[in-house]
């Protein structure tokens, strides 16, 4: 009979430990490194990507707003027009914590993260 309370106590402790650790594990998910603001240092061209698939291209006081999607881990598709009159732009990208490289027609452009 004494084994039953001991087993119950062990199970209760395991469940309690899992409840305490679960929020920590879900907080450790991968973050999307593309999200943020990027600047091309020579031209001053600025790109901003948000988590809702919105993108803003800025140069001086002019801004253009678009939506984007990812086709796979290294391709990004920018929807240039909402009615389809202008074709979507597809480009390769690589991103690290501090550097974004966009490649269009084989020509890479490097952006630095704005902190």
C-alpha atoms as a PDB file:
ATOM      1  CA  UNK A   1       0.000   0.000   0.000  1.00  0.00           C
ATOM      2  CA  UNK A   2       2.853   2.410   0.652  1.00  0.00           C
ATOM      3  CA  UNK A   3       3.944   2.210  -2.993  1.00  0.00           C
ATOM      4  CA  UNK A   4       0.750   3.888  -4.207  1.00  0.00           C
ATOM      5  CA  UNK A   5       1.255   7.224  -2.358  1.00  0.00           C
ATOM      6  CA  UNK A   6       4.921   7.214  -3.383  1.00  0.00           C
ATOM      7  CA  UNK A   7       4.019   6.658  -7.042  1.00  0.00           C
ATOM      8  CA  UNK A   8       1.358   9.358  -6.847  1.00  0.00           C
ATOM      9  CA  UNK A   9       3.904  11.763  -5.328  1.00  0.00           C
ATOM     10  CA  UNK A  10       6.431  11.040  -8.081  1.00  0.00           C
ATOM     11  CA  UNK A  11       3.855  11.533 -10.835  1.00  0.00           C
ATOM     12  CA  UNK A  12       2.657  14.760  -9.237  1.00  0.00           C
ATOM     13  CA  UNK A  13       6.221  16.082  -9.098  1.00  0.00           C
ATOM     14  CA  UNK A  14       6.860  15.191 -12.739  1.00  0.00           C
ATOM     15  CA  UNK A  15       3.656  16.925 -13.845  1.00  0.00           C
ATOM     16  CA  UNK A  16       4.508  19.989 -11.758  1.00  0.00           C
ATOM     17  CA  UNK A  17       8.021  20.123 -13.215  1.00  0.00           C
ATOM     18  CA  UNK A  18       6.632  19.869 -16.766  1.00  0.00           C
ATOM     19  CA  UNK A  19       4.179  22.700 -16.065  1.00  0.00           C
ATOM     20  CA  UNK A  20       7.024  24.884 -14.850  1.00  0.00           C
ATOM     21  CA  UNK A  21       9.336  24.080 -17.781  1.00  0.00           C
ATOM     22  CA  UNK A  22       6.801  24.294 -20.607  1.00  0.00           C
ATOM     23  CA  UNK A  23       6.684  28.124 -20.742  1.00  0.00           C
ATOM     24  CA  UNK A  24      10.481  28.221 -20.844  1.00  0.00           C
ATOM     25  CA  UNK A  25      10.625  25.779 -23.728  1.00  0.00           C
ATOM     26  CA  UNK A  26       8.033  27.609 -25.805  1.00  0.00           C
ATOM     27  CA  UNK A  27       9.905  30.894 -25.297  1.00  0.00           C
ATOM     28  CA  UNK A  28      13.003  29.349 -26.873  1.00  0.00           C
ATOM     29  CA  UNK A  29      11.494  29.077 -30.368  1.00  0.00           C
ATOM     30  CA  UNK A  30      13.493  30.321 -33.323  1.00  0.00           C
ATOM     31  CA  UNK A  31      13.045  33.996 -34.055  1.00  0.00           C
ATOM     32  CA  UNK A  32      12.825  35.219 -37.625  1.00  0.00           C
ATOM     33  CA  UNK A  33      16.078  37.081 -38.248  1.00  0.00           C
ATOM     34  CA  UNK A  34      14.581  38.854 -41.272  1.00  0.00           C
ATOM     35  CA  UNK A  35      12.235  40.875 -39.047  1.00  0.00           C
ATOM     36  CA  UNK A  36      13.635  44.338 -38.385  1.00  0.00           C
ATOM     37  CA  UNK A  37      15.140  47.317 -40.172  1.00  0.00           C
ATOM     38  CA  UNK A  38      18.070  47.044 -42.585  1.00  0.00           C
ATOM     39  CA  UNK A  39      20.180  49.745 -44.237  1.00  0.00           C
ATOM     40  CA  UNK A  40      22.364  49.586 -47.328  1.00  0.00           C
ATOM     41  CA  UNK A  41      25.364  51.643 -46.139  1.00  0.00           C
ATOM     42  CA  UNK A  42      26.378  53.224 -49.462  1.00  0.00           C
ATOM     43  CA  UNK A  43      23.002  54.460 -50.738  1.00  0.00           C
ATOM     44  CA  UNK A  44      21.170  54.801 -47.422  1.00  0.00           C
ATOM     45  CA  UNK A  45      18.375  52.603 -48.808  1.00  0.00           C
ATOM     46  CA  UNK A  46      16.318  51.194 -45.882  1.00  0.00           C
ATOM     47  CA  UNK A  47      14.177  48.044 -45.756  1.00  0.00           C
ATOM     48  CA  UNK A  48      11.863  47.218 -42.869  1.00  0.00           C
ATOM     49  CA  UNK A  49      10.214  43.800 -42.497  1.00  0.00           C
ATOM     50  CA  UNK A  50       7.577  43.119 -39.834  1.00  0.00           C
ATOM     51  CA  UNK A  51       6.080  39.894 -38.478  1.00  0.00           C
ATOM     52  CA  UNK A  52       2.801  40.495 -40.363  1.00  0.00           C
ATOM     53  CA  UNK A  53       4.504  40.127 -43.774  1.00  0.00           C
ATOM     54  CA  UNK A  54       4.618  43.876 -44.398  1.00  0.00           C
ATOM     55  CA  UNK A  55       7.668  45.515 -45.927  1.00  0.00           C
ATOM     56  CA  UNK A  56       8.567  49.193 -46.211  1.00  0.00           C
ATOM     57  CA  UNK A  57      11.237  50.490 -48.573  1.00  0.00           C
ATOM     58  CA  UNK A  58      12.553  53.940 -47.635  1.00  0.00           C
ATOM     59  CA  UNK A  59      14.974  56.365 -49.195  1.00  0.00           C
ATOM     60  CA  UNK A  60      15.214  59.815 -47.646  1.00  0.00           C
ATOM     61  CA  UNK A  61      11.615  61.010 -47.109  1.00  0.00           C
ATOM     62  CA  UNK A  62      10.000  58.594 -49.579  1.00  0.00           C
ATOM     63  CA  UNK A  63       8.422  55.313 -48.453  1.00  0.00           C
ATOM     64  CA  UNK A  64       6.846  52.463 -50.410  1.00  0.00           C
ATOM     65  CA  UNK A  65       4.792  49.773 -48.675  1.00  0.00           C
ATOM     66  CA  UNK A  66       4.496  46.192 -49.908  1.00  0.00           C
ATOM     67  CA  UNK A  67       3.708  42.733 -48.618  1.00  0.00           C
ATOM     68  CA  UNK A  68       6.106  39.818 -48.802  1.00  0.00           C
ATOM     69  CA  UNK A  69       6.150  36.074 -48.303  1.00  0.00           C
ATOM     70  CA  UNK A  70       8.805  33.406 -48.091  1.00  0.00           C
ATOM     71  CA  UNK A  71       8.762  30.675 -50.723  1.00  0.00           C
ATOM     72  CA  UNK A  72      11.374  28.573 -48.924  1.00  0.00           C
ATOM     73  CA  UNK A  73      14.133  29.289 -46.431  1.00  0.00           C
ATOM     74  CA  UNK A  74      16.160  31.284 -48.962  1.00  0.00           C
ATOM     75  CA  UNK A  75      13.580  32.926 -51.271  1.00  0.00           C
ATOM     76  CA  UNK A  76      11.456  35.975 -50.616  1.00  0.00           C
ATOM     77  CA  UNK A  77       8.589  37.136 -52.830  1.00  0.00           C
ATOM     78  CA  UNK A  78       7.620  40.809 -52.773  1.00  0.00           C
ATOM     79  CA  UNK A  79       4.099  41.566 -53.958  1.00  0.00           C
ATOM     80  CA  UNK A  80       4.622  44.826 -55.828  1.00  0.00           C
ATOM     81  CA  UNK A  81       0.999  45.485 -56.833  1.00  0.00           C
ATOM     82  CA  UNK A  82      -2.285  44.395 -55.304  1.00  0.00           C
ATOM     83  CA  UNK A  83      -4.036  43.950 -58.659  1.00  0.00           C
ATOM     84  CA  UNK A  84      -1.287  41.945 -60.359  1.00  0.00           C
ATOM     85  CA  UNK A  85      -0.465  44.562 -63.003  1.00  0.00           C
ATOM     86  CA  UNK A  86       3.165  44.526 -61.876  1.00  0.00           C
ATOM     87  CA  UNK A  87       4.677  41.054 -61.450  1.00  0.00           C
ATOM     88  CA  UNK A  88       5.870  39.921 -58.045  1.00  0.00           C
ATOM     89  CA  UNK A  89       9.600  40.217 -57.416  1.00  0.00           C
ATOM     90  CA  UNK A  90      11.401  37.066 -56.279  1.00  0.00           C
ATOM     91  CA  UNK A  91      14.870  37.240 -54.791  1.00  0.00           C
ATOM     92  CA  UNK A  92      17.262  35.070 -52.854  1.00  0.00           C
ATOM     93  CA  UNK A  93      18.242  36.130 -49.374  1.00  0.00           C
ATOM     94  CA  UNK A  94      20.537  35.130 -46.564  1.00  0.00           C
ATOM     95  CA  UNK A  95      20.342  36.664 -43.135  1.00  0.00           C
ATOM     96  CA  UNK A  96      22.406  36.621 -39.968  1.00  0.00           C
ATOM     97  CA  UNK A  97      21.965  38.582 -36.762  1.00  0.00           C
ATOM     98  CA  UNK A  98      23.578  41.695 -38.290  1.00  0.00           C
ATOM     99  CA  UNK A  99      23.632  41.241 -42.076  1.00  0.00           C
ATOM    100  CA  UNK A 100      21.025  40.719 -44.807  1.00  0.00           C
ATOM    101  CA  UNK A 101      22.078  39.852 -48.351  1.00  0.00           C
ATOM    102  CA  UNK A 102      19.474  40.162 -51.113  1.00  0.00           C
ATOM    103  CA  UNK A 103      20.411  38.743 -54.508  1.00  0.00           C
ATOM    104  CA  UNK A 104      18.516  39.821 -57.626  1.00  0.00           C
ATOM    105  CA  UNK A 105      19.569  38.504 -61.053  1.00  0.00           C
ATOM    106  CA  UNK A 106      22.817  37.216 -59.547  1.00  0.00           C
ATOM    107  CA  UNK A 107      23.791  40.581 -58.043  1.00  0.00           C
ATOM    108  CA  UNK A 108      24.038  40.614 -54.222  1.00  0.00           C
ATOM    109  CA  UNK A 109      23.277  43.688 -52.126  1.00  0.00           C
ATOM    110  CA  UNK A 110      24.345  43.702 -48.479  1.00  0.00           C
ATOM    111  CA  UNK A 111      22.322  45.470 -45.789  1.00  0.00           C
ATOM    112  CA  UNK A 112      23.281  46.055 -42.154  1.00  0.00           C
ATOM    113  CA  UNK A 113      20.805  45.715 -39.300  1.00  0.00           C
ATOM    114  CA  UNK A 114      19.729  49.065 -37.827  1.00  0.00           C
ATOM    115  CA  UNK A 115      19.918  48.839 -34.039  1.00  0.00           C
END
